[in-house]
C-alpha atoms as a PDB file:
ATOM      1  CA  MET A   1     147.739  83.803 112.661  1.00  0.00           C
ATOM      2  CA  PHE A   2     144.905  85.105 114.850  1.00  0.00           C
ATOM      3  CA  GLU A   3     141.203  85.045 114.089  1.00  0.00           C
ATOM      4  CA  GLU A   4     138.731  87.565 115.318  1.00  0.00           C
ATOM      5  CA  GLY A   5     138.726  87.599 119.185  1.00  0.00           C
ATOM      6  CA  GLY A   6     142.386  86.755 119.413  1.00  0.00           C
ATOM      7  CA  GLN A   7     141.950  82.980 118.791  1.00  0.00           C
ATOM      8  CA  ARG A   8     144.692  81.263 116.840  1.00  0.00           C
ATOM      9  CA  ALA A   9     143.366  79.819 113.586  1.00  0.00           C
ATOM     10  CA  ASP A  10     145.756  76.936 113.806  1.00  0.00           C
ATOM     11  CA  SER A  11     145.583  76.226 117.445  1.00  0.00           C
ATOM     12  CA  ASN A  12     144.704  72.610 118.416  1.00  0.00           C
ATOM     13  CA  THR A  13     145.104  72.917 122.173  1.00  0.00           C
ATOM     14  CA  GLY A  14     142.477  71.755 124.641  1.00  0.00           C
ATOM     15  CA  TRP A  15     141.741  75.342 125.672  1.00  0.00           C
ATOM     16  CA  ALA A  16     141.334  76.320 122.048  1.00  0.00           C
ATOM     17  CA  HIS A  17     138.595  73.645 121.641  1.00  0.00           C
ATOM     18  CA  ILE A  18     136.714  75.276 124.504  1.00  0.00           C
ATOM     19  CA  ALA A  19     137.407  78.917 123.410  1.00  0.00           C
ATOM     20  CA  ASN A  20     136.228  78.284 119.913  1.00  0.00           C
ATOM     21  CA  HIS A  21     132.802  77.227 121.009  1.00  0.00           C
ATOM     22  CA  ASP A  22     130.942  79.846 122.963  1.00  0.00           C
ATOM     23  CA  LYS A  23     129.037  77.689 125.330  1.00  0.00           C
ATOM     24  CA  ALA A  24     131.432  74.707 125.579  1.00  0.00           C
ATOM     25  CA  ALA A  25     132.439  75.439 129.149  1.00  0.00           C
ATOM     26  CA  THR A  26     128.835  75.518 130.220  1.00  0.00           C
ATOM     27  CA  VAL A  27     128.072  72.202 128.498  1.00  0.00           C
ATOM     28  CA  ILE A  28     131.225  70.647 129.994  1.00  0.00           C
ATOM     29  CA  ASP A  29     130.156  71.766 133.474  1.00  0.00           C
ATOM     30  CA  THR A  30     126.795  70.015 132.772  1.00  0.00           C
ATOM     31  CA  ILE A  31     128.444  66.899 131.444  1.00  0.00           C
ATOM     32  CA  LEU A  32     130.378  66.471 134.601  1.00  0.00           C
ATOM     33  CA  ARG A  33     127.150  66.238 136.554  1.00  0.00           C
ATOM     34  CA  LEU A  34     125.152  63.970 134.246  1.00  0.00           C
ATOM     35  CA  ASP A  35     124.584  60.256 134.755  1.00  0.00           C
ATOM     36  CA  ALA A  36     127.113  58.370 132.588  1.00  0.00           C
ATOM     37  CA  ASP A  37     124.777  55.375 132.384  1.00  0.00           C
ATOM     38  CA  GLU A  38     122.069  57.396 130.584  1.00  0.00           C
ATOM     39  CA  THR A  39     121.707  58.622 126.989  1.00  0.00           C
ATOM     40  CA  TYR A  40     120.633  62.159 126.067  1.00  0.00           C
ATOM     41  CA  THR A  41     119.145  63.840 123.003  1.00  0.00           C
ATOM     42  CA  LYS A  42     120.579  67.079 121.722  1.00  0.00           C
ATOM     43  CA  THR A  43     117.441  68.788 123.226  1.00  0.00           C
ATOM     44  CA  ALA A  44     118.003  67.132 126.625  1.00  0.00           C
ATOM     45  CA  LEU A  45     121.593  68.270 126.691  1.00  0.00           C
ATOM     46  CA  SER A  46     120.585  71.739 125.639  1.00  0.00           C
ATOM     47  CA  GLU A  47     117.992  72.001 128.342  1.00  0.00           C
ATOM     48  CA  ALA A  48     120.280  70.548 131.074  1.00  0.00           C
ATOM     49  CA  ALA A  49     122.976  73.087 130.182  1.00  0.00           C
ATOM     50  CA  GLY A  50     120.602  76.032 129.705  1.00  0.00           C
ATOM     51  CA  VAL A  51     122.053  76.608 126.273  1.00  0.00           C
ATOM     52  CA  PRO A  52     119.784  77.094 123.282  1.00  0.00           C
ATOM     53  CA  LEU A  53     119.786  74.132 120.962  1.00  0.00           C
ATOM     54  CA  LYS A  54     120.330  76.457 117.996  1.00  0.00           C
ATOM     55  CA  THR A  55     123.585  77.593 119.608  1.00  0.00           C
ATOM     56  CA  LEU A  56     124.814  74.049 120.129  1.00  0.00           C
ATOM     57  CA  TYR A  57     123.836  73.079 116.544  1.00  0.00           C
ATOM     58  CA  LEU A  58     125.258  76.085 114.764  1.00  0.00           C
ATOM     59  CA  ASP A  59     128.724  76.133 116.336  1.00  0.00           C
ATOM     60  CA  GLY A  60     129.119  72.341 116.516  1.00  0.00           C
ATOM     61  CA  THR A  61     129.642  72.218 120.264  1.00  0.00           C
ATOM     62  CA  LEU A  62     128.344  68.708 120.725  1.00  0.00           C
ATOM     63  CA  GLU A  63     130.267  67.360 117.867  1.00  0.00           C
ATOM     64  CA  GLU A  64     133.434  68.966 119.177  1.00  0.00           C
ATOM     65  CA  LEU A  65     132.857  67.457 122.608  1.00  0.00           C
ATOM     66  CA  VAL A  66     132.461  64.044 120.892  1.00  0.00           C
ATOM     67  CA  THR A  67     135.790  64.627 119.097  1.00  0.00           C
ATOM     68  CA  VAL A  68     137.665  65.533 122.335  1.00  0.00           C
ATOM     69  CA  GLY A  69     136.189  62.589 124.186  1.00  0.00           C
ATOM     70  CA  LEU A  70     133.831  64.095 126.639  1.00  0.00           C
ATOM     71  CA  LEU A  71     130.684  62.689 124.941  1.00  0.00           C
ATOM     72  CA  GLU A  72     129.960  59.475 123.006  1.00  0.00           C
ATOM     73  CA  LYS A  73     127.621  59.680 120.075  1.00  0.00           C
ATOM     74  CA  HIS A  74     125.128  56.902 119.385  1.00  0.00           C
ATOM     75  CA  GLU A  75     123.496  56.874 115.903  1.00  0.00           C
ATOM     76  CA  ALA A  76     120.938  54.489 114.627  1.00  0.00           C
ATOM     77  CA  GLU A  77     119.446  54.644 111.204  1.00  0.00           C
ATOM     78  CA  GLY A  78     116.085  56.396 111.244  1.00  0.00           C
ATOM     79  CA  GLU A  79     116.362  57.395 114.902  1.00  0.00           C
ATOM     80  CA  GLU A  80     117.377  60.519 116.830  1.00  0.00           C
ATOM     81  CA  THR A  81     121.071  60.787 117.567  1.00  0.00           C
ATOM     82  CA  LEU A  82     121.803  60.115 121.263  1.00  0.00           C
ATOM     83  CA  PHE A  83     124.749  61.078 123.423  1.00  0.00           C
ATOM     84  CA  SER A  84     126.245  59.722 126.549  1.00  0.00           C
ATOM     85  CA  VAL A  85     128.981  60.894 128.898  1.00  0.00           C
ATOM     86  CA  ASP A  86     132.400  59.295 128.149  1.00  0.00           C
ATOM     87  CA  ASP A  87     133.419  59.060 131.706  1.00  0.00           C
ATOM     88  CA  GLY A  88     136.328  56.791 130.993  1.00  0.00           C
ATOM     89  CA  SER A  89     138.118  59.158 128.696  1.00  0.00           C
ATOM     90  CA  SER A  90     141.207  61.105 129.592  1.00  0.00           C
ATOM     91  CA  ALA A  91     139.408  64.358 128.647  1.00  0.00           C
ATOM     92  CA  PHE A  92     136.624  63.553 131.093  1.00  0.00           C
ATOM     93  CA  GLU A  93     139.144  62.711 133.899  1.00  0.00           C
ATOM     94  CA  ALA A  94     141.008  65.970 133.184  1.00  0.00           C
ATOM     95  CA  ALA A  95     137.827  68.073 133.173  1.00  0.00           C
ATOM     96  CA  LYS A  96     136.739  66.425 136.423  1.00  0.00           C
ATOM     97  CA  ALA A  97     140.151  67.042 137.939  1.00  0.00           C
ATOM     98  CA  PHE A  98     140.091  70.688 136.855  1.00  0.00           C
ATOM     99  CA  ASP A  99     136.605  71.088 138.353  1.00  0.00           C
ATOM    100  CA  THR A 100     137.698  69.729 141.608  1.00  0.00           C
ATOM    101  CA  ALA A 101     140.960  71.768 141.722  1.00  0.00           C
ATOM    102  CA  ALA A 102     139.187  75.023 140.773  1.00  0.00           C
ATOM    103  CA  ALA A 103     136.452  74.449 143.425  1.00  0.00           C
ATOM    104  CA  THR A 104     139.045  73.633 146.083  1.00  0.00           C
ATOM    105  CA  SER A 105     141.136  76.623 145.116  1.00  0.00           C
ATOM    106  CA  SER A 106     138.147  79.029 145.384  1.00  0.00           C
ATOM    107  CA  GLU A 107     137.372  77.609 148.855  1.00  0.00           C
ATOM    108  CA  VAL A 108     140.899  78.212 150.048  1.00  0.00           C
ATOM    109  CA  ASP A 109     140.969  81.723 148.602  1.00  0.00           C
ATOM    110  CA  SER A 110     137.696  82.636 150.507  1.00  0.00           C
END
């Protein structure tokens, strides 16, 4: 039932998507601040988030964020894959709402 680190192997919750990818929270924080009208390479996303490209590639973080609806993937034959922020998705709206609520909560608690 549980994998190493206490993660449920069969969990398909939103929190499990984040927990199963070591740097997903860092990348999501970055996505919320990117220009939704721009496209980004894997390298640009890696640099913006301060997460090594190898980490994003090996654990499939970017692909997972496409799957949950935070990023859109743009592929053209013979060209580098590009990504853009899916700012119209319910996942993006929920992440933005959580970001705002958590920031507001920490201001109140101070």
